Amino acid sequence: MTKKILGIAVGILALIYAVVFVVSGRAVFSISNPFQTNTVLQHKKPSELKIGVSLSTLNNPFFISIKQGVTETAKKSGSKVQVYDGQNSTNKQSNDVEDLIQKKVDVLIINPVDSSAITPEVKSANEAGIPVITIDRSSDGGKVLSLVASDSKEGGKMAADFMIKTLGEKAKIAELQGTPGASATRERGAGFDNTAKGHLDIVTKQTANFDRKEGLNTAENIAQAHPDIKGLFSQNDEMALGAVQALKSNPDIVIVGFDGSVDGINAVKKGQMAATVAQKPKEMGKLAVQAAYKYFKGEKVSSQIKSPLELIVADKYK
C-alpha cells in the first residue's frame, strides 16, 4: 500500500512539474526521448527581441553588408542586436555563439565559418530553445529554422556557362576555392564543376579561404605553374580581386567572381574582372531578421529563403 501511495505521489509531482514548465514556456524533456527538448513558443513583438548575430568575418565587404541589413532592419523595429565577428576562426565563432546562448538571446543568426564545426553550437541552441537562422552557409547538423541564401549551385552554373561561352570549348582554366568545409564552397564548386565538365579543362583547383591576400598569393602560384590558362573562376569576389592584382601582367585572363560585393562590381565595371555572380548580402540580412519576426508572431517560416542572383558582366564581354 505504501509503495502504491508513493507511486501516485511521484506521478502527481511529475505532472505538476510538467504543467509549470509548459506554462512558463521553458523547455521540458520528452518522455520518448530524454535528450530532445520541446519548447512552447512565446509570441513576442520585434521591439521585445534580443537578436544574437555571429558572422564568419567582418574583414570582407560582403559580410559587412549582411551586418548592415541585419542592424538596419532591427533598428527600425526596436530590436536589440549583438554582433560578433568570427574572424574566420571556428574556435572563436564557437565561443561567441556559446556566449550569446548564455546571454539568453531570443534568436541566433549565424553565418558559419565552417558548416560542420558549427554543429555543436547549433545543437546547444536547440537544447536552450533558441531558434537558429543561418545566412549564406548552412549547418551540417542540428535544427536550423531557416537558411537565407542564394542558390550557390545555380550561381556556380551561371559562372561556368559564361566562361564556356566566352572562352570556348576545352579552354584551360583554374579555380580558386573558398574555405574547406563551408557549404558555400561545396555548392558553388559543385555547380561550376558539374557544368564545366566536358566543356572546360580545369587544370587546377586551389583553396584561398575566401581571402583577398590568399587569393593574390595563390593566383600568382597558379600563373607560374600554368602560364597557359585562359580563365580563372573564383568562388568569391575577395579572392578574385586578389587574382586581379596577381595577374596584372596578363589582363586577357578572364576572371569571374562570386558575391557581387561593391569592390567586385567596381572591378567588373573597370574591366578588371570579366563578371561576377552577384548576390544581395544586405537583402539577405534583412530577410533573416524578417524571418525571426515571423517566427515570433507564430507564422510559418520557410526552411529555405532564397535571395536572388544576377550575373554582372563587363562591357567588353556583353
C-alpha atoms as a PDB file:
ATOM      1  CA  MET A   1       0.000   0.000   0.000  1.00  0.00           C
ATOM      2  CA  THR A   2       2.825   2.358   0.923  1.00  0.00           C
ATOM      3  CA  LYS A   3       4.548   1.735  -2.400  1.00  0.00           C
ATOM      4  CA  LYS A   4       1.296   2.416  -4.245  1.00  0.00           C
ATOM      5  CA  ILE A   5       0.779   5.739  -2.439  1.00  0.00           C
ATOM      6  CA  LEU A   6       4.405   6.690  -3.076  1.00  0.00           C
ATOM      7  CA  GLY A   7       3.994   5.926  -6.776  1.00  0.00           C
ATOM      8  CA  ILE A   8       0.867   8.059  -7.021  1.00  0.00           C
ATOM      9  CA  ALA A   9       2.623  10.927  -5.235  1.00  0.00           C
ATOM     10  CA  VAL A  10       5.602  10.779  -7.603  1.00  0.00           C
ATOM     11  CA  GLY A  11       3.237  10.765 -10.579  1.00  0.00           C
ATOM     12  CA  ILE A  12       1.362  13.825  -9.286  1.00  0.00           C
ATOM     13  CA  LEU A  13       4.630  15.711  -8.670  1.00  0.00           C
ATOM     14  CA  ALA A  14       5.834  14.882 -12.193  1.00  0.00           C
ATOM     15  CA  LEU A  15       2.555  16.138 -13.645  1.00  0.00           C
ATOM     16  CA  ILE A  16       2.783  19.393 -11.677  1.00  0.00           C
ATOM     17  CA  TYR A  17       6.404  19.833 -12.826  1.00  0.00           C
ATOM     18  CA  ALA A  18       5.421  19.415 -16.456  1.00  0.00           C
ATOM     19  CA  VAL A  19       2.460  21.808 -16.220  1.00  0.00           C
ATOM     20  CA  VAL A  20       4.563  24.514 -14.550  1.00  0.00           C
ATOM     21  CA  PHE A  21       7.264  24.264 -17.209  1.00  0.00           C
ATOM     22  CA  VAL A  22       4.791  24.262 -20.094  1.00  0.00           C
ATOM     23  CA  VAL A  23       3.006  27.325 -18.729  1.00  0.00           C
ATOM     24  CA  SER A  24       6.325  29.122 -18.229  1.00  0.00           C
ATOM     25  CA  GLY A  25       7.306  28.415 -21.833  1.00  0.00           C
ATOM     26  CA  ARG A  26      10.551  26.725 -20.812  1.00  0.00           C
ATOM     27  CA  ALA A  27      11.897  23.522 -22.321  1.00  0.00           C
ATOM     28  CA  VAL A  28      10.661  20.205 -20.956  1.00  0.00           C
ATOM     29  CA  PHE A  29      12.034  16.742 -21.553  1.00  0.00           C
ATOM     30  CA  SER A  30      10.169  14.399 -23.851  1.00  0.00           C
ATOM     31  CA  ILE A  31       9.286  11.020 -22.333  1.00  0.00           C
ATOM     32  CA  SER A  32      10.004   9.366 -25.668  1.00  0.00           C
ATOM     33  CA  ASN A  33      13.475  10.904 -25.923  1.00  0.00           C
ATOM     34  CA  PRO A  34      15.048  12.449 -22.812  1.00  0.00           C
ATOM     35  CA  PHE A  35      17.625  14.276 -24.947  1.00  0.00           C
ATOM     36  CA  GLN A  36      15.057  16.005 -27.138  1.00  0.00           C
ATOM     37  CA  THR A  37      13.654  19.307 -25.951  1.00  0.00           C
ATOM     38  CA  ASN A  38      10.294  20.775 -26.856  1.00  0.00           C
ATOM     39  CA  THR A  39       9.516  24.428 -26.444  1.00  0.00           C
ATOM     40  CA  VAL A  40       6.275  26.350 -26.259  1.00  0.00           C
ATOM     41  CA  LEU A  41       6.604  29.440 -28.425  1.00  0.00           C
ATOM     42  CA  GLN A  42       6.151  32.731 -26.614  1.00  0.00           C
ATOM     43  CA  HIS A  43       4.862  35.322 -29.057  1.00  0.00           C
ATOM     44  CA  LYS A  44       6.998  38.439 -28.929  1.00  0.00           C
ATOM     45  CA  LYS A  45       6.936  41.807 -30.629  1.00  0.00           C
ATOM     46  CA  PRO A  46      10.036  42.835 -32.623  1.00  0.00           C
ATOM     47  CA  SER A  47      10.768  45.519 -30.002  1.00  0.00           C
ATOM     48  CA  GLU A  48      10.994  42.799 -27.344  1.00  0.00           C
ATOM     49  CA  LEU A  49      13.528  40.647 -29.165  1.00  0.00           C
ATOM     50  CA  LYS A  50      17.227  40.232 -28.441  1.00  0.00           C
ATOM     51  CA  ILE A  51      18.997  39.072 -31.600  1.00  0.00           C
ATOM     52  CA  GLY A  52      22.415  37.430 -31.424  1.00  0.00           C
ATOM     53  CA  VAL A  53      24.472  37.502 -34.626  1.00  0.00           C
ATOM     54  CA  SER A  54      27.663  35.589 -35.422  1.00  0.00           C
ATOM     55  CA  LEU A  55      29.282  36.307 -38.788  1.00  0.00           C
ATOM     56  CA  SER A  56      32.258  34.359 -40.158  1.00  0.00           C
ATOM     57  CA  THR A  57      34.267  37.550 -40.636  1.00  0.00           C
ATOM     58  CA  LEU A  58      33.857  41.311 -40.797  1.00  0.00           C
ATOM     59  CA  ASN A  59      37.050  41.649 -42.826  1.00  0.00           C
ATOM     60  CA  ASN A  60      35.051  41.267 -46.014  1.00  0.00           C
ATOM     61  CA  PRO A  61      32.649  43.812 -47.581  1.00  0.00           C
ATOM     62  CA  PHE A  62      30.100  41.071 -48.319  1.00  0.00           C
ATOM     63  CA  PHE A  63      29.605  40.211 -44.651  1.00  0.00           C
ATOM     64  CA  ILE A  64      29.703  43.867 -43.635  1.00  0.00           C
ATOM     65  CA  SER A  65      26.704  44.319 -45.947  1.00  0.00           C
ATOM     66  CA  ILE A  66      24.927  41.397 -44.267  1.00  0.00           C
ATOM     67  CA  LYS A  67      25.555  43.067 -40.897  1.00  0.00           C
ATOM     68  CA  GLN A  68      24.092  46.324 -42.217  1.00  0.00           C
ATOM     69  CA  GLY A  69      20.994  44.529 -43.441  1.00  0.00           C
ATOM     70  CA  VAL A  70      20.505  42.929 -40.021  1.00  0.00           C
ATOM     71  CA  THR A  71      21.166  46.003 -37.885  1.00  0.00           C
ATOM     72  CA  GLU A  72      19.203  48.458 -40.026  1.00  0.00           C
ATOM     73  CA  THR A  73      16.127  46.194 -40.147  1.00  0.00           C
ATOM     74  CA  ALA A  74      16.316  45.530 -36.409  1.00  0.00           C
ATOM     75  CA  LYS A  75      16.764  49.215 -35.581  1.00  0.00           C
ATOM     76  CA  LYS A  76      13.583  50.153 -37.442  1.00  0.00           C
ATOM     77  CA  SER A  77      11.610  47.751 -35.258  1.00  0.00           C
ATOM     78  CA  GLY A  78      13.388  48.449 -31.984  1.00  0.00           C
ATOM     79  CA  SER A  79      15.053  45.042 -31.626  1.00  0.00           C
ATOM     80  CA  LYS A  80      18.314  44.757 -29.694  1.00  0.00           C
ATOM     81  CA  VAL A  81      21.201  43.272 -31.670  1.00  0.00           C
ATOM     82  CA  GLN A  82      24.622  41.997 -30.639  1.00  0.00           C
ATOM     83  CA  VAL A  83      27.011  41.144 -33.479  1.00  0.00           C
ATOM     84  CA  TYR A  84      30.161  39.040 -33.119  1.00  0.00           C
ATOM     85  CA  ASP A  85      32.993  38.811 -35.656  1.00  0.00           C
ATOM     86  CA  GLY A  86      34.156  35.194 -36.004  1.00  0.00           C
ATOM     87  CA  GLN A  87      37.440  36.339 -37.606  1.00  0.00           C
ATOM     88  CA  ASN A  88      37.345  33.221 -39.800  1.00  0.00           C
ATOM     89  CA  SER A  89      38.140  31.106 -36.719  1.00  0.00           C
ATOM     90  CA  THR A  90      35.927  28.126 -35.883  1.00  0.00           C
ATOM     91  CA  ASN A  91      37.079  28.244 -32.253  1.00  0.00           C
ATOM     92  CA  LYS A  92      36.269  31.943 -31.851  1.00  0.00           C
ATOM     93  CA  GLN A  93      32.901  31.538 -33.515  1.00  0.00           C
ATOM     94  CA  SER A  94      32.039  28.586 -31.274  1.00  0.00           C
ATOM     95  CA  ASN A  95      32.901  30.621 -28.179  1.00  0.00           C
ATOM     96  CA  ASP A  96      30.946  33.615 -29.488  1.00  0.00           C
ATOM     97  CA  VAL A  97      27.803  31.573 -30.095  1.00  0.00           C
ATOM     98  CA  GLU A  98      28.051  29.886 -26.691  1.00  0.00           C
ATOM     99  CA  ASP A  99      28.348  33.355 -25.139  1.00  0.00           C
ATOM    100  CA  LEU A 100      25.193  34.506 -26.936  1.00  0.00           C
ATOM    101  CA  ILE A 101      23.376  31.400 -25.712  1.00  0.00           C
ATOM    102  CA  GLN A 102      24.456  32.159 -22.136  1.00  0.00           C
ATOM    103  CA  LYS A 103      23.160  35.703 -22.592  1.00  0.00           C
ATOM    104  CA  LYS A 104      19.775  34.170 -23.450  1.00  0.00           C
ATOM    105  CA  VAL A 105      19.203  35.880 -26.770  1.00  0.00           C
ATOM    106  CA  ASP A 106      15.816  35.151 -28.311  1.00  0.00           C
ATOM    107  CA  VAL A 107      17.158  34.131 -31.718  1.00  0.00           C
ATOM    108  CA  LEU A 108      20.541  33.387 -33.282  1.00  0.00           C
ATOM    109  CA  ILE A 109      21.522  34.469 -36.791  1.00  0.00           C
ATOM    110  CA  ILE A 110      24.679  32.616 -37.830  1.00  0.00           C
ATOM    111  CA  ASN A 111      26.907  32.733 -40.889  1.00  0.00           C
ATOM    112  CA  PRO A 112      29.186  29.749 -40.190  1.00  0.00           C
ATOM    113  CA  VAL A 113      32.932  29.767 -40.752  1.00  0.00           C
ATOM    114  CA  ASP A 114      32.643  26.001 -41.205  1.00  0.00           C
ATOM    115  CA  SER A 115      29.327  24.220 -41.699  1.00  0.00           C
ATOM    116  CA  SER A 116      30.451  21.124 -39.793  1.00  0.00           C
ATOM    117  CA  ALA A 117      32.297  22.857 -36.945  1.00  0.00           C
ATOM    118  CA  ILE A 118      29.260  24.978 -36.037  1.00  0.00           C
ATOM    119  CA  THR A 119      27.039  21.903 -35.485  1.00  0.00           C
ATOM    120  CA  PRO A 120      27.643  21.548 -31.691  1.00  0.00           C
ATOM    121  CA  GLU A 121      26.675  25.189 -31.129  1.00  0.00           C
ATOM    122  CA  VAL A 122      23.514  24.826 -33.221  1.00  0.00           C
ATOM    123  CA  LYS A 123      22.607  21.798 -31.101  1.00  0.00           C
ATOM    124  CA  SER A 124      23.325  23.791 -27.922  1.00  0.00           C
ATOM    125  CA  ALA A 125      20.950  26.497 -29.144  1.00  0.00           C
ATOM    126  CA  ASN A 126      18.348  23.813 -29.912  1.00  0.00           C
ATOM    127  CA  GLU A 127      18.647  22.485 -26.354  1.00  0.00           C
ATOM    128  CA  ALA A 128      18.258  26.016 -24.980  1.00  0.00           C
ATOM    129  CA  GLY A 129      15.117  26.556 -27.065  1.00  0.00           C
ATOM    130  CA  ILE A 130      16.721  29.310 -29.160  1.00  0.00           C
ATOM    131  CA  PRO A 131      15.778  29.256 -32.871  1.00  0.00           C
ATOM    132  CA  VAL A 132      18.704  29.400 -35.315  1.00  0.00           C
ATOM    133  CA  ILE A 133      18.651  31.128 -38.688  1.00  0.00           C
ATOM    134  CA  THR A 134      21.690  30.684 -40.941  1.00  0.00           C
ATOM    135  CA  ILE A 135      22.858  33.058 -43.677  1.00  0.00           C
ATOM    136  CA  ASP A 136      24.757  32.232 -46.885  1.00  0.00           C
ATOM    137  CA  ARG A 137      26.131  28.999 -45.415  1.00  0.00           C
ATOM    138  CA  SER A 138      24.235  26.288 -43.598  1.00  0.00           C
ATOM    139  CA  SER A 139      24.990  23.997 -40.653  1.00  0.00           C
ATOM    140  CA  ASP A 140      25.635  20.315 -41.299  1.00  0.00           C
ATOM    141  CA  GLY A 141      23.867  19.312 -38.083  1.00  0.00           C
ATOM    142  CA  GLY A 142      21.352  20.464 -35.505  1.00  0.00           C
ATOM    143  CA  LYS A 143      17.999  22.028 -36.297  1.00  0.00           C
ATOM    144  CA  VAL A 144      18.020  25.250 -38.315  1.00  0.00           C
ATOM    145  CA  LEU A 145      14.780  27.220 -38.548  1.00  0.00           C
ATOM    146  CA  SER A 146      15.695  28.676 -41.940  1.00  0.00           C
ATOM    147  CA  LEU A 147      18.644  29.158 -44.284  1.00  0.00           C
ATOM    148  CA  VAL A 148      18.725  32.534 -46.033  1.00  0.00           C
ATOM    149  CA  ALA A 149      20.935  32.178 -49.082  1.00  0.00           C
ATOM    150  CA  SER A 150      21.248  32.463 -52.793  1.00  0.00           C
ATOM    151  CA  ASP A 151      21.242  29.236 -54.785  1.00  0.00           C
ATOM    152  CA  SER A 152      25.011  28.658 -54.743  1.00  0.00           C
ATOM    153  CA  LYS A 153      24.847  25.725 -57.165  1.00  0.00           C
ATOM    154  CA  GLU A 154      22.885  27.818 -59.644  1.00  0.00           C
ATOM    155  CA  GLY A 155      25.405  30.638 -59.230  1.00  0.00           C
ATOM    156  CA  GLY A 156      28.277  28.268 -59.974  1.00  0.00           C
ATOM    157  CA  LYS A 157      26.425  27.089 -63.068  1.00  0.00           C
ATOM    158  CA  MET A 158      25.935  30.698 -64.215  1.00  0.00           C
ATOM    159  CA  ALA A 159      29.686  31.315 -63.896  1.00  0.00           C
ATOM    160  CA  ALA A 160      30.572  28.157 -65.842  1.00  0.00           C
ATOM    161  CA  ASP A 161      28.075  28.891 -68.626  1.00  0.00           C
ATOM    162  CA  PHE A 162      29.570  32.377 -69.017  1.00  0.00           C
ATOM    163  CA  MET A 163      33.129  31.033 -69.195  1.00  0.00           C
ATOM    164  CA  ILE A 164      32.190  28.344 -71.734  1.00  0.00           C
ATOM    165  CA  LYS A 165      30.503  30.959 -73.917  1.00  0.00           C
ATOM    166  CA  THR A 166      33.372  33.431 -73.555  1.00  0.00           C
ATOM    167  CA  LEU A 167      36.386  31.110 -73.808  1.00  0.00           C
ATOM    168  CA  GLY A 168      35.045  28.276 -75.930  1.00  0.00           C
ATOM    169  CA  GLU A 169      35.228  24.520 -75.527  1.00  0.00           C
ATOM    170  CA  LYS A 170      38.192  22.897 -73.737  1.00  0.00           C
ATOM    171  CA  ALA A 171      39.753  26.191 -72.647  1.00  0.00           C
ATOM    172  CA  LYS A 172      42.235  25.756 -69.803  1.00  0.00           C
ATOM    173  CA  ILE A 173      41.139  27.438 -66.582  1.00  0.00           C
ATOM    174  CA  ALA A 174      41.905  27.457 -62.866  1.00  0.00           C
ATOM    175  CA  GLU A 175      39.579  27.569 -59.861  1.00  0.00           C
ATOM    176  CA  LEU A 176      40.063  29.382 -56.557  1.00  0.00           C
ATOM    177  CA  GLN A 177      38.126  27.596 -53.831  1.00  0.00           C
ATOM    178  CA  GLY A 178      36.768  29.005 -50.589  1.00  0.00           C
ATOM    179  CA  THR A 179      37.134  27.797 -47.009  1.00  0.00           C
ATOM    180  CA  PRO A 180      37.174  23.975 -46.871  1.00  0.00           C
ATOM    181  CA  GLY A 181      34.082  22.696 -45.082  1.00  0.00           C
ATOM    182  CA  ALA A 182      31.886  25.723 -45.821  1.00  0.00           C
ATOM    183  CA  SER A 183      28.642  24.815 -47.588  1.00  0.00           C
ATOM    184  CA  ALA A 184      29.137  27.739 -49.997  1.00  0.00           C
ATOM    185  CA  THR A 185      32.474  26.252 -51.059  1.00  0.00           C
ATOM    186  CA  ARG A 186      30.917  22.865 -51.739  1.00  0.00           C
ATOM    187  CA  GLU A 187      27.829  24.174 -53.519  1.00  0.00           C
ATOM    188  CA  ARG A 188      29.462  26.854 -55.679  1.00  0.00           C
ATOM    189  CA  GLY A 189      32.142  24.372 -56.625  1.00  0.00           C
ATOM    190  CA  ALA A 190      29.602  21.655 -57.469  1.00  0.00           C
ATOM    191  CA  GLY A 191      27.506  23.998 -59.606  1.00  0.00           C
ATOM    192  CA  PHE A 192      30.561  25.211 -61.512  1.00  0.00           C
ATOM    193  CA  ASP A 193      32.369  21.868 -61.864  1.00  0.00           C
ATOM    194  CA  ASN A 194      29.312  19.896 -62.979  1.00  0.00           C
ATOM    195  CA  THR A 195      28.531  22.441 -65.680  1.00  0.00           C
ATOM    196  CA  ALA A 196      32.165  22.832 -66.790  1.00  0.00           C
ATOM    197  CA  LYS A 197      32.745  19.072 -67.021  1.00  0.00           C
ATOM    198  CA  GLY A 198      33.449  18.094 -70.629  1.00  0.00           C
ATOM    199  CA  HIS A 199      33.492  21.738 -71.742  1.00  0.00           C
ATOM    200  CA  LEU A 200      36.334  23.405 -69.838  1.00  0.00           C
ATOM    201  CA  ASP A 201      39.703  21.985 -68.818  1.00  0.00           C
ATOM    202  CA  ILE A 202      40.112  22.798 -65.117  1.00  0.00           C
ATOM    203  CA  VAL A 203      43.889  22.352 -64.751  1.00  0.00           C
ATOM    204  CA  THR A 204      43.997  23.131 -61.019  1.00  0.00           C
ATOM    205  CA  LYS A 205      41.764  23.859 -58.018  1.00  0.00           C
ATOM    206  CA  GLN A 206      43.346  25.543 -55.013  1.00  0.00           C
ATOM    207  CA  THR A 207      41.901  26.995 -51.830  1.00  0.00           C
ATOM    208  CA  ALA A 208      42.407  30.618 -50.824  1.00  0.00           C
ATOM    209  CA  ASN A 209      39.878  30.607 -47.958  1.00  0.00           C
ATOM    210  CA  PHE A 210      37.669  33.377 -49.372  1.00  0.00           C
ATOM    211  CA  ASP A 211      40.519  35.839 -48.561  1.00  0.00           C
ATOM    212  CA  ARG A 212      41.881  38.550 -50.884  1.00  0.00           C
ATOM    213  CA  LYS A 213      45.532  38.255 -49.827  1.00  0.00           C
ATOM    214  CA  GLU A 214      45.447  34.482 -50.101  1.00  0.00           C
ATOM    215  CA  GLY A 215      43.762  34.861 -53.473  1.00  0.00           C
ATOM    216  CA  LEU A 216      46.653  37.047 -54.651  1.00  0.00           C
ATOM    217  CA  ASN A 217      49.337  34.617 -53.472  1.00  0.00           C
ATOM    218  CA  THR A 218      47.542  31.533 -54.766  1.00  0.00           C
ATOM    219  CA  ALA A 219      46.819  33.108 -58.163  1.00  0.00           C
ATOM    220  CA  GLU A 220      50.497  34.051 -58.502  1.00  0.00           C
ATOM    221  CA  ASN A 221      51.495  30.442 -57.873  1.00  0.00           C
ATOM    222  CA  ILE A 222      48.906  29.188 -60.349  1.00  0.00           C
ATOM    223  CA  ALA A 223      50.108  31.595 -63.051  1.00  0.00           C
ATOM    224  CA  GLN A 224      53.667  30.375 -62.622  1.00  0.00           C
ATOM    225  CA  ALA A 225      52.706  26.706 -62.717  1.00  0.00           C
ATOM    226  CA  HIS A 226      50.115  27.076 -65.505  1.00  0.00           C
ATOM    227  CA  PRO A 227      51.076  30.042 -67.728  1.00  0.00           C
ATOM    228  CA  ASP A 228      48.689  28.896 -70.478  1.00  0.00           C
ATOM    229  CA  ILE A 229      45.405  29.279 -68.564  1.00  0.00           C
ATOM    230  CA  LYS A 230      42.761  31.413 -70.269  1.00  0.00           C
ATOM    231  CA  GLY A 231      40.417  31.917 -67.338  1.00  0.00           C
ATOM    232  CA  LEU A 232      40.026  31.754 -63.574  1.00  0.00           C
ATOM    233  CA  PHE A 233      36.857  31.159 -61.592  1.00  0.00           C
ATOM    234  CA  SER A 234      36.916  32.413 -58.003  1.00  0.00           C
ATOM    235  CA  GLN A 235      34.281  31.267 -55.526  1.00  0.00           C
ATOM    236  CA  ASN A 236      34.072  34.796 -54.106  1.00  0.00           C
ATOM    237  CA  ASP A 237      34.937  38.343 -55.132  1.00  0.00           C
ATOM    238  CA  GLU A 238      37.638  38.826 -52.489  1.00  0.00           C
ATOM    239  CA  MET A 239      39.795  36.026 -53.907  1.00  0.00           C
ATOM    240  CA  ALA A 240      39.007  37.252 -57.420  1.00  0.00           C
ATOM    241  CA  LEU A 241      40.247  40.745 -56.524  1.00  0.00           C
ATOM    242  CA  GLY A 242      43.471  39.197 -55.235  1.00  0.00           C
ATOM    243  CA  ALA A 243      43.765  37.369 -58.553  1.00  0.00           C
ATOM    244  CA  VAL A 244      43.277  40.658 -60.417  1.00  0.00           C
ATOM    245  CA  GLN A 245      46.387  42.028 -58.681  1.00  0.00           C
ATOM    246  CA  ALA A 246      48.349  38.833 -59.276  1.00  0.00           C
ATOM    247  CA  LEU A 247      47.512  38.649 -62.991  1.00  0.00           C
ATOM    248  CA  LYS A 248      48.037  42.300 -63.932  1.00  0.00           C
ATOM    249  CA  SER A 249      50.710  41.297 -66.421  1.00  0.00           C
ATOM    250  CA  ASN A 250      48.192  39.117 -68.249  1.00  0.00           C
ATOM    251  CA  PRO A 251      44.970  41.142 -68.485  1.00  0.00           C
ATOM    252  CA  ASP A 252      43.497  38.783 -71.101  1.00  0.00           C
ATOM    253  CA  ILE A 253      42.820  36.085 -68.499  1.00  0.00           C
ATOM    254  CA  VAL A 254      39.067  36.003 -67.918  1.00  0.00           C
ATOM    255  CA  ILE A 255      38.402  36.312 -64.167  1.00  0.00           C
ATOM    256  CA  VAL A 256      34.926  35.534 -62.835  1.00  0.00           C
ATOM    257  CA  GLY A 257      33.997  36.140 -59.197  1.00  0.00           C
ATOM    258  CA  PHE A 258      31.021  35.435 -56.989  1.00  0.00           C
ATOM    259  CA  ASP A 259      29.176  37.658 -54.460  1.00  0.00           C
ATOM    260  CA  GLY A 260      28.580  40.991 -56.145  1.00  0.00           C
ATOM    261  CA  SER A 261      30.423  42.945 -53.457  1.00  0.00           C
ATOM    262  CA  VAL A 262      30.888  46.674 -54.007  1.00  0.00           C
ATOM    263  CA  ASP A 263      34.576  46.167 -54.831  1.00  0.00           C
ATOM    264  CA  GLY A 264      33.776  43.220 -57.091  1.00  0.00           C
ATOM    265  CA  ILE A 265      31.164  45.110 -59.094  1.00  0.00           C
ATOM    266  CA  ASN A 266      33.513  48.097 -59.444  1.00  0.00           C
ATOM    267  CA  ALA A 267      36.229  45.770 -60.764  1.00  0.00           C
ATOM    268  CA  VAL A 268      33.773  44.437 -63.369  1.00  0.00           C
ATOM    269  CA  LYS A 269      32.812  47.978 -64.396  1.00  0.00           C
ATOM    270  CA  LYS A 270      36.507  48.819 -64.837  1.00  0.00           C
ATOM    271  CA  GLY A 271      37.052  45.686 -66.914  1.00  0.00           C
ATOM    272  CA  GLN A 272      39.456  44.175 -64.373  1.00  0.00           C
ATOM    273  CA  MET A 273      37.096  41.239 -63.842  1.00  0.00           C
ATOM    274  CA  ALA A 274      35.028  39.772 -66.661  1.00  0.00           C
ATOM    275  CA  ALA A 275      31.995  39.054 -64.482  1.00  0.00           C
ATOM    276  CA  THR A 276      30.672  38.331 -61.021  1.00  0.00           C
ATOM    277  CA  VAL A 277      27.695  36.295 -59.865  1.00  0.00           C
ATOM    278  CA  ALA A 278      26.043  38.952 -57.734  1.00  0.00           C
ATOM    279  CA  GLN A 279      24.170  38.199 -54.548  1.00  0.00           C
ATOM    280  CA  LYS A 280      22.404  40.805 -52.439  1.00  0.00           C
ATOM    281  CA  PRO A 281      24.013  40.488 -48.989  1.00  0.00           C
ATOM    282  CA  LYS A 282      22.220  43.428 -47.404  1.00  0.00           C
ATOM    283  CA  GLU A 283      18.899  41.944 -48.501  1.00  0.00           C
ATOM    284  CA  MET A 284      19.955  38.604 -47.008  1.00  0.00           C
ATOM    285  CA  GLY A 285      20.490  40.230 -43.616  1.00  0.00           C
ATOM    286  CA  LYS A 286      17.088  41.902 -43.865  1.00  0.00           C
ATOM    287  CA  LEU A 287      15.380  38.634 -44.813  1.00  0.00           C
ATOM    288  CA  ALA A 288      16.944  36.837 -41.836  1.00  0.00           C
ATOM    289  CA  VAL A 289      15.584  39.380 -39.340  1.00  0.00           C
ATOM    290  CA  GLN A 290      12.165  39.337 -41.009  1.00  0.00           C
ATOM    291  CA  ALA A 291      12.130  35.530 -40.698  1.00  0.00           C
ATOM    292  CA  ALA A 292      12.751  35.904 -36.947  1.00  0.00           C
ATOM    293  CA  TYR A 293       9.856  38.360 -36.666  1.00  0.00           C
ATOM    294  CA  LYS A 294       7.541  35.937 -38.490  1.00  0.00           C
ATOM    295  CA  TYR A 295       8.554  33.105 -36.169  1.00  0.00           C
ATOM    296  CA  PHE A 296       7.793  35.064 -33.006  1.00  0.00           C
ATOM    297  CA  LYS A 297       4.435  36.109 -34.451  1.00  0.00           C
ATOM    298  CA  GLY A 298       3.591  32.424 -34.759  1.00  0.00           C
ATOM    299  CA  GLU A 299       3.707  32.434 -38.556  1.00  0.00           C
ATOM    300  CA  LYS A 300       5.241  29.655 -40.622  1.00  0.00           C
ATOM    301  CA  VAL A 301       8.831  30.277 -41.742  1.00  0.00           C
ATOM    302  CA  SER A 302      10.174  28.571 -44.855  1.00  0.00           C
ATOM    303  CA  SER A 303      13.128  26.271 -44.250  1.00  0.00           C
ATOM    304  CA  GLN A 304      14.896  27.969 -47.159  1.00  0.00           C
ATOM    305  CA  ILE A 305      14.594  31.629 -48.078  1.00  0.00           C
ATOM    306  CA  LYS A 306      16.215  32.333 -51.420  1.00  0.00           C
ATOM    307  CA  SER A 307      17.919  35.610 -52.221  1.00  0.00           C
ATOM    308  CA  PRO A 308      18.114  36.484 -55.957  1.00  0.00           C
ATOM    309  CA  LEU A 309      21.217  36.158 -58.146  1.00  0.00           C
ATOM    310  CA  GLU A 310      22.354  38.265 -61.099  1.00  0.00           C
ATOM    311  CA  LEU A 311      25.308  37.840 -63.443  1.00  0.00           C
ATOM    312  CA  ILE A 312      27.028  41.209 -63.840  1.00  0.00           C
ATOM    313  CA  VAL A 313      29.250  41.289 -66.944  1.00  0.00           C
ATOM    314  CA  ALA A 314      31.917  43.748 -68.095  1.00  0.00           C
ATOM    315  CA  ASP A 315      31.012  45.757 -71.209  1.00  0.00           C
ATOM    316  CA  LYS A 316      33.629  44.066 -73.420  1.00  0.00           C
ATOM    317  CA  TYR A 317      32.016  40.646 -72.855  1.00  0.00           C
ATOM    318  CA  LYS A 318      28.393  41.644 -73.438  1.00  0.00           C
END
